[in-house]
N, C-alpha and C. Protein backbone atom coordinates (compact mmCIF):
# COMPACT_ATOMS: atom_id res chain seq x y z
N MET A 1 91.00 -15.02 -23.68
CA MET A 1 91.55 -14.91 -22.10
C MET A 1 92.52 -13.93 -22.46
N ILE A 2 92.66 -13.35 -21.57
CA ILE A 2 93.75 -12.22 -21.41
C ILE A 2 94.97 -12.71 -21.18
N LYS A 3 95.99 -12.74 -21.94
CA LYS A 3 97.38 -12.87 -21.49
C LYS A 3 98.44 -11.87 -21.70
N SER A 4 97.89 -10.80 -21.90
CA SER A 4 98.88 -9.74 -21.84
C SER A 4 98.14 -8.52 -21.92
N TYR A 5 98.98 -7.05 -21.58
CA TYR A 5 97.75 -6.03 -21.64
C TYR A 5 97.49 -5.75 -22.86
N LYS A 6 98.31 -6.32 -24.11
CA LYS A 6 97.94 -6.10 -25.59
C LYS A 6 96.71 -6.74 -26.13
N ASP A 7 96.16 -7.88 -24.97
CA ASP A 7 94.95 -8.42 -25.48
C ASP A 7 93.58 -7.68 -24.98
N LEU A 8 93.92 -6.55 -24.11
CA LEU A 8 93.06 -5.51 -23.79
C LEU A 8 92.49 -4.70 -24.73
N ILE A 9 91.28 -4.85 -25.19
CA ILE A 9 90.61 -3.93 -26.08
C ILE A 9 90.76 -2.68 -25.94
N VAL A 10 90.50 -2.01 -24.41
CA VAL A 10 90.82 -0.73 -24.08
C VAL A 10 92.21 -0.23 -24.65
N TRP A 11 93.05 -0.95 -24.61
CA TRP A 11 94.76 -0.86 -24.75
C TRP A 11 94.90 -0.81 -26.26
N GLN A 12 94.37 -1.75 -27.19
CA GLN A 12 94.18 -1.56 -28.52
C GLN A 12 93.64 -0.12 -28.82
N LYS A 13 92.46 0.01 -28.52
CA LYS A 13 91.74 1.23 -28.67
C LYS A 13 92.88 2.31 -28.60
N SER A 14 93.57 2.35 -27.64
CA SER A 14 93.90 3.47 -26.97
C SER A 14 95.23 3.71 -28.07
N VAL A 15 95.83 2.51 -28.33
CA VAL A 15 97.08 2.66 -29.07
C VAL A 15 96.45 3.31 -30.48
N ASP A 16 95.22 2.61 -31.20
CA ASP A 16 94.82 3.34 -32.34
C ASP A 16 94.58 4.95 -32.15
N LEU A 17 94.30 5.30 -31.07
CA LEU A 17 94.14 6.62 -30.66
C LEU A 17 95.37 7.60 -30.87
N VAL A 18 96.38 6.90 -30.51
CA VAL A 18 97.40 7.83 -30.64
C VAL A 18 97.83 7.86 -32.11
N VAL A 19 97.70 6.97 -33.02
CA VAL A 19 98.18 7.17 -34.27
C VAL A 19 97.03 8.48 -35.12
N LEU A 20 95.61 8.14 -34.42
CA LEU A 20 95.18 9.51 -34.94
C LEU A 20 95.44 10.72 -34.77
N ILE A 21 95.71 10.70 -33.57
CA ILE A 21 96.22 11.99 -32.68
C ILE A 21 97.81 12.57 -33.69
N TYR A 22 98.59 11.59 -33.80
CA TYR A 22 99.92 11.97 -34.49
C TYR A 22 99.50 12.06 -36.10
N GLN A 23 98.01 11.63 -36.81
CA GLN A 23 98.25 12.04 -38.12
C GLN A 23 97.64 13.42 -38.15
N ILE A 24 96.75 13.55 -37.35
CA ILE A 24 96.06 14.95 -37.22
C ILE A 24 96.61 16.05 -36.96
N THR A 25 97.39 16.03 -35.46
CA THR A 25 98.53 17.03 -35.25
C THR A 25 99.66 17.19 -36.26
N ASP A 26 99.87 16.34 -37.30
CA ASP A 26 101.07 16.51 -38.50
C ASP A 26 100.38 17.78 -39.25
N LYS A 27 99.09 18.15 -39.13
CA LYS A 27 98.68 19.15 -39.97
C LYS A 27 98.47 20.33 -39.07
N PHE A 28 98.88 20.41 -38.22
CA PHE A 28 98.90 21.47 -37.27
C PHE A 28 99.81 22.58 -37.51
N PRO A 29 99.51 24.01 -37.31
CA PRO A 29 100.59 25.09 -37.61
C PRO A 29 102.10 24.79 -37.02
N ALA A 30 103.17 25.16 -37.62
CA ALA A 30 104.23 24.80 -37.13
C ALA A 30 104.74 25.05 -35.52
N LYS A 31 104.08 26.50 -35.36
CA LYS A 31 103.91 27.24 -34.40
C LYS A 31 103.39 26.45 -33.23
N GLU A 32 102.71 25.35 -33.15
CA GLU A 32 102.54 24.60 -32.07
C GLU A 32 103.15 23.28 -31.83
N LYS A 33 104.27 23.50 -32.28
CA LYS A 33 105.19 22.03 -32.44
C LYS A 33 105.68 21.71 -30.75
N PHE A 34 105.78 22.67 -29.89
CA PHE A 34 106.23 22.65 -28.70
C PHE A 34 105.03 22.86 -27.64
N GLY A 35 103.85 23.10 -28.11
CA GLY A 35 102.64 23.54 -27.86
C GLY A 35 101.84 22.29 -27.78
N LEU A 36 100.52 22.53 -28.40
CA LEU A 36 99.36 21.39 -28.97
C LEU A 36 99.70 20.24 -28.93
N ILE A 37 100.89 20.11 -30.04
CA ILE A 37 101.43 19.32 -31.08
C ILE A 37 101.80 18.25 -29.46
N SER A 38 102.71 18.77 -28.84
CA SER A 38 103.78 18.27 -27.92
C SER A 38 102.51 17.55 -26.83
N GLN A 39 101.89 18.41 -26.36
CA GLN A 39 100.90 18.18 -25.22
C GLN A 39 100.15 16.76 -25.67
N MET A 40 99.31 17.02 -26.97
CA MET A 40 98.42 16.28 -27.32
C MET A 40 98.98 14.65 -27.57
N GLN A 41 100.45 14.67 -28.32
CA GLN A 41 101.11 13.35 -28.53
C GLN A 41 101.47 12.93 -27.28
N ARG A 42 101.69 13.38 -26.10
CA ARG A 42 102.17 12.85 -24.88
C ARG A 42 100.91 12.66 -24.10
N ALA A 43 100.07 13.17 -23.79
CA ALA A 43 98.75 12.81 -23.28
C ALA A 43 98.09 11.72 -23.82
N SER A 44 98.46 11.66 -25.33
CA SER A 44 97.73 9.97 -25.95
C SER A 44 98.71 9.06 -25.78
N VAL A 45 99.85 8.97 -26.14
CA VAL A 45 100.75 8.13 -25.50
C VAL A 45 100.81 7.65 -24.03
N SER A 46 100.30 8.03 -22.93
CA SER A 46 100.44 8.36 -21.93
C SER A 46 99.07 7.42 -21.46
N ILE A 47 97.96 7.35 -22.14
CA ILE A 47 97.29 6.47 -22.15
C ILE A 47 97.32 5.21 -22.31
N SER A 48 97.94 4.92 -23.36
CA SER A 48 98.09 3.13 -23.43
C SER A 48 99.38 2.85 -22.57
N SER A 49 100.16 3.56 -22.07
CA SER A 49 101.38 3.37 -21.46
C SER A 49 100.84 2.82 -20.09
N ASN A 50 99.88 3.94 -19.73
CA ASN A 50 99.45 3.39 -18.21
C ASN A 50 98.78 2.13 -18.05
N ILE A 51 98.16 2.10 -19.11
CA ILE A 51 97.58 0.76 -19.22
C ILE A 51 98.48 -0.50 -18.72
N ALA A 52 99.28 -0.41 -20.10
CA ALA A 52 100.33 -1.28 -19.87
C ALA A 52 101.02 -1.11 -18.33
N GLU A 53 101.54 -0.30 -18.26
CA GLU A 53 102.23 -0.34 -16.69
C GLU A 53 101.54 -0.86 -15.59
N GLY A 54 100.49 -0.27 -15.58
CA GLY A 54 99.62 -1.07 -14.50
C GLY A 54 99.16 -2.67 -14.18
N TYR A 55 98.90 -2.99 -16.04
CA TYR A 55 98.84 -4.29 -15.81
C TYR A 55 100.09 -5.04 -15.46
N GLY A 56 101.14 -4.62 -15.70
CA GLY A 56 102.58 -5.34 -15.43
C GLY A 56 102.78 -5.20 -13.99
N ARG A 57 102.17 -4.46 -13.03
CA ARG A 57 102.59 -4.15 -11.61
C ARG A 57 102.03 -5.16 -10.74
N GLN A 58 101.06 -6.21 -11.32
CA GLN A 58 100.60 -7.30 -10.59
C GLN A 58 100.17 -7.23 -9.34
N SER A 59 99.39 -5.77 -9.15
CA SER A 59 98.49 -5.72 -7.81
C SER A 59 97.27 -5.08 -8.39
N SER A 60 96.10 -5.48 -7.92
CA SER A 60 94.97 -4.93 -8.46
C SER A 60 95.17 -3.03 -7.85
N GLY A 61 95.48 -3.15 -6.58
CA GLY A 61 95.60 -1.43 -6.40
C GLY A 61 96.18 -0.36 -7.18
N SER A 62 97.51 -1.11 -7.28
CA SER A 62 98.81 0.08 -8.72
C SER A 62 97.68 -0.24 -9.98
N TYR A 63 97.08 -1.27 -10.31
CA TYR A 63 96.82 -1.47 -11.70
C TYR A 63 95.39 -0.30 -11.58
N ALA A 64 94.56 -0.53 -10.66
CA ALA A 64 93.45 0.83 -10.77
C ALA A 64 94.00 1.82 -10.61
N GLN A 65 95.14 2.16 -9.91
CA GLN A 65 95.65 3.67 -9.73
C GLN A 65 96.19 4.13 -11.75
N PHE A 66 96.93 2.89 -11.93
CA PHE A 66 97.54 3.36 -13.25
C PHE A 66 96.06 3.66 -14.41
N LEU A 67 95.28 2.89 -14.15
CA LEU A 67 94.08 2.97 -14.95
C LEU A 67 93.61 4.34 -14.88
N SER A 68 93.51 4.85 -13.66
CA SER A 68 93.08 6.32 -13.05
C SER A 68 93.85 7.33 -13.79
N ILE A 69 95.01 6.70 -13.60
CA ILE A 69 96.15 8.03 -14.64
C ILE A 69 95.97 7.98 -15.87
N ALA A 70 95.64 6.76 -16.47
CA ALA A 70 95.04 6.79 -17.83
C ALA A 70 94.10 7.61 -18.31
N ARG A 71 93.25 7.43 -17.47
CA ARG A 71 91.66 8.22 -17.37
C ARG A 71 91.96 9.61 -17.32
N GLY A 72 92.80 10.06 -16.53
CA GLY A 72 93.06 11.42 -16.42
C GLY A 72 93.86 12.06 -17.73
N SER A 73 94.66 11.23 -18.26
CA SER A 73 95.40 11.33 -19.75
C SER A 73 94.40 11.62 -20.59
N LEU A 74 93.24 10.94 -20.78
CA LEU A 74 92.37 10.93 -21.79
C LEU A 74 91.58 12.33 -21.64
N PHE A 75 91.33 12.46 -20.12
CA PHE A 75 90.59 13.87 -20.26
C PHE A 75 91.22 14.91 -20.73
N GLU A 76 92.63 14.95 -20.30
CA GLU A 76 93.60 15.97 -20.85
C GLU A 76 93.64 16.13 -22.15
N LEU A 77 93.60 14.81 -22.82
CA LEU A 77 93.09 15.06 -24.29
C LEU A 77 92.34 15.39 -24.79
N GLU A 78 91.07 15.18 -23.99
CA GLU A 78 89.87 15.88 -24.81
C GLU A 78 89.72 17.21 -24.57
N THR A 79 90.46 17.70 -23.60
CA THR A 79 90.36 19.35 -23.16
C THR A 79 91.27 19.71 -24.49
N GLN A 80 92.16 19.24 -24.63
CA GLN A 80 93.22 19.30 -25.70
C GLN A 80 92.31 19.81 -27.08
N ILE A 81 91.48 18.96 -27.19
CA ILE A 81 91.02 18.53 -28.57
C ILE A 81 89.98 19.91 -28.98
N GLU A 82 89.34 20.08 -27.54
CA GLU A 82 88.26 21.21 -27.63
C GLU A 82 88.91 22.42 -28.02
N LEU A 83 90.18 22.54 -27.21
CA LEU A 83 90.80 23.64 -27.58
C LEU A 83 91.14 23.93 -28.91
N CYS A 84 91.62 22.67 -29.66
CA CYS A 84 91.99 22.64 -31.10
C CYS A 84 90.38 23.12 -32.21
N ILE A 85 89.71 22.56 -31.31
CA ILE A 85 88.31 23.19 -32.34
C ILE A 85 87.83 24.30 -32.17
N ARG A 86 88.18 24.71 -31.03
CA ARG A 86 87.88 26.46 -30.77
C ARG A 86 89.29 27.08 -31.68
N LEU A 87 90.26 26.98 -31.83
CA LEU A 87 91.23 27.44 -32.80
C LEU A 87 91.39 27.00 -33.96
N GLU A 88 90.28 26.26 -34.18
CA GLU A 88 89.82 25.76 -35.61
C GLU A 88 91.28 25.10 -36.39
N TYR A 89 91.81 24.38 -35.55
CA TYR A 89 93.04 23.33 -36.16
C TYR A 89 92.42 22.22 -36.57
N ILE A 90 91.53 21.98 -35.78
CA ILE A 90 90.46 20.29 -36.24
C ILE A 90 89.13 20.64 -36.83
N LEU A 91 89.04 19.83 -38.03
CA LEU A 91 87.63 20.06 -38.73
C LEU A 91 86.71 19.53 -37.70
N ARG A 92 85.30 19.76 -38.13
CA ARG A 92 84.28 19.06 -37.22
C ARG A 92 84.52 17.67 -37.48
N VAL A 93 84.47 17.14 -38.59
CA VAL A 93 84.67 15.86 -38.75
C VAL A 93 85.62 15.21 -37.93
N GLU A 94 86.82 15.58 -37.81
CA GLU A 94 88.08 14.78 -37.58
C GLU A 94 87.79 14.83 -35.83
N SER A 95 86.91 15.90 -35.33
CA SER A 95 87.07 16.23 -33.62
C SER A 95 85.62 15.35 -33.44
N GLU A 96 84.72 14.90 -34.39
CA GLU A 96 83.62 14.09 -33.96
C GLU A 96 84.49 12.52 -33.73
N LYS A 97 85.09 12.36 -34.70
CA LYS A 97 85.56 11.17 -34.66
C LYS A 97 86.51 10.68 -33.56
N LEU A 98 87.41 11.78 -33.32
CA LEU A 98 88.27 11.60 -32.00
C LEU A 98 87.35 11.62 -30.41
N LEU A 99 86.27 12.51 -30.46
CA LEU A 99 85.70 12.48 -29.41
C LEU A 99 84.54 11.08 -29.42
N ILE A 100 84.10 10.61 -30.13
CA ILE A 100 83.59 9.41 -30.30
C ILE A 100 84.51 8.20 -29.58
N GLU A 101 85.68 8.37 -29.95
CA GLU A 101 86.99 7.23 -29.54
C GLU A 101 87.49 7.69 -28.03
N THR A 102 87.48 8.73 -27.70
CA THR A 102 87.91 8.96 -26.34
C THR A 102 86.80 9.00 -25.32
N THR A 103 85.54 8.96 -25.92
CA THR A 103 84.41 8.67 -25.01
C THR A 103 84.18 7.10 -24.68
N GLU A 104 84.64 6.39 -25.90
CA GLU A 104 84.45 4.86 -25.47
C GLU A 104 85.73 4.30 -24.78
N ILE A 105 86.74 4.98 -25.03
CA ILE A 105 87.96 4.98 -24.03
C ILE A 105 87.84 4.98 -22.50
N SER A 106 87.12 6.25 -22.23
CA SER A 106 86.84 6.39 -20.95
C SER A 106 85.61 5.41 -20.55
N LYS A 107 84.44 5.11 -21.05
CA LYS A 107 83.63 3.97 -20.42
C LYS A 107 84.59 2.63 -20.23
N MET A 108 85.51 2.39 -21.14
CA MET A 108 86.09 1.02 -20.92
C MET A 108 87.19 1.22 -19.83
N LEU A 109 87.61 2.17 -19.73
CA LEU A 109 88.81 2.25 -18.41
C LEU A 109 87.97 2.58 -17.17
N THR A 110 86.62 3.21 -17.24
CA THR A 110 85.63 3.28 -16.02
C THR A 110 85.19 2.00 -15.74
N SER A 111 84.86 1.11 -16.66
CA SER A 111 84.10 -0.15 -16.10
C SER A 111 85.46 -1.18 -15.53
N LEU A 112 86.75 -0.84 -16.49
CA LEU A 112 87.82 -1.92 -16.07
C LEU A 112 88.51 -1.43 -14.53
N ILE A 113 88.23 -0.21 -14.32
CA ILE A 113 88.85 0.22 -12.94
C ILE A 113 87.59 -0.11 -11.98
N SER A 114 86.40 -0.23 -11.72
CA SER A 114 85.39 -0.75 -11.27
C SER A 114 85.42 -2.01 -10.99
N LYS A 115 85.61 -3.17 -12.18
CA LYS A 115 86.01 -4.35 -11.84
C LYS A 115 87.17 -4.83 -10.98
N ILE A 116 88.08 -4.30 -11.15
CA ILE A 116 89.53 -4.09 -10.27
C ILE A 116 89.10 -3.96 -8.63
N ARG A 117 88.53 -2.61 -9.01
CA ARG A 117 88.41 -2.42 -7.52
C ARG A 117 87.14 -3.04 -6.66
N LYS A 118 86.50 -4.08 -7.26
CA LYS A 118 85.77 -4.85 -6.65
C LYS A 118 86.08 -6.15 -5.88
């Protein structure tokens, strides 16, 4: 039974993703503090925040819209992860774990959006 957005597995996974992003970006070069570090942290936080905000709107149309925004932030984060791979800021092992998580969250968001819109 879902009593809160905190009960949603997609929200829980997206919060776990934020923690991973913070841990990984903590190892980035200092010159990226206002670049990729900031962008990746904000994008990751935006995912779980928009899931929560949409849930609180109590309107299926608004909820679906906020979930779509969360999905957009997720795609933004995936792009930033790809940049970090190319810049060699992230090890292949770390990137694979991140991309598995983002793919799973994306599927969950897509499914939830589809269910809400029906």
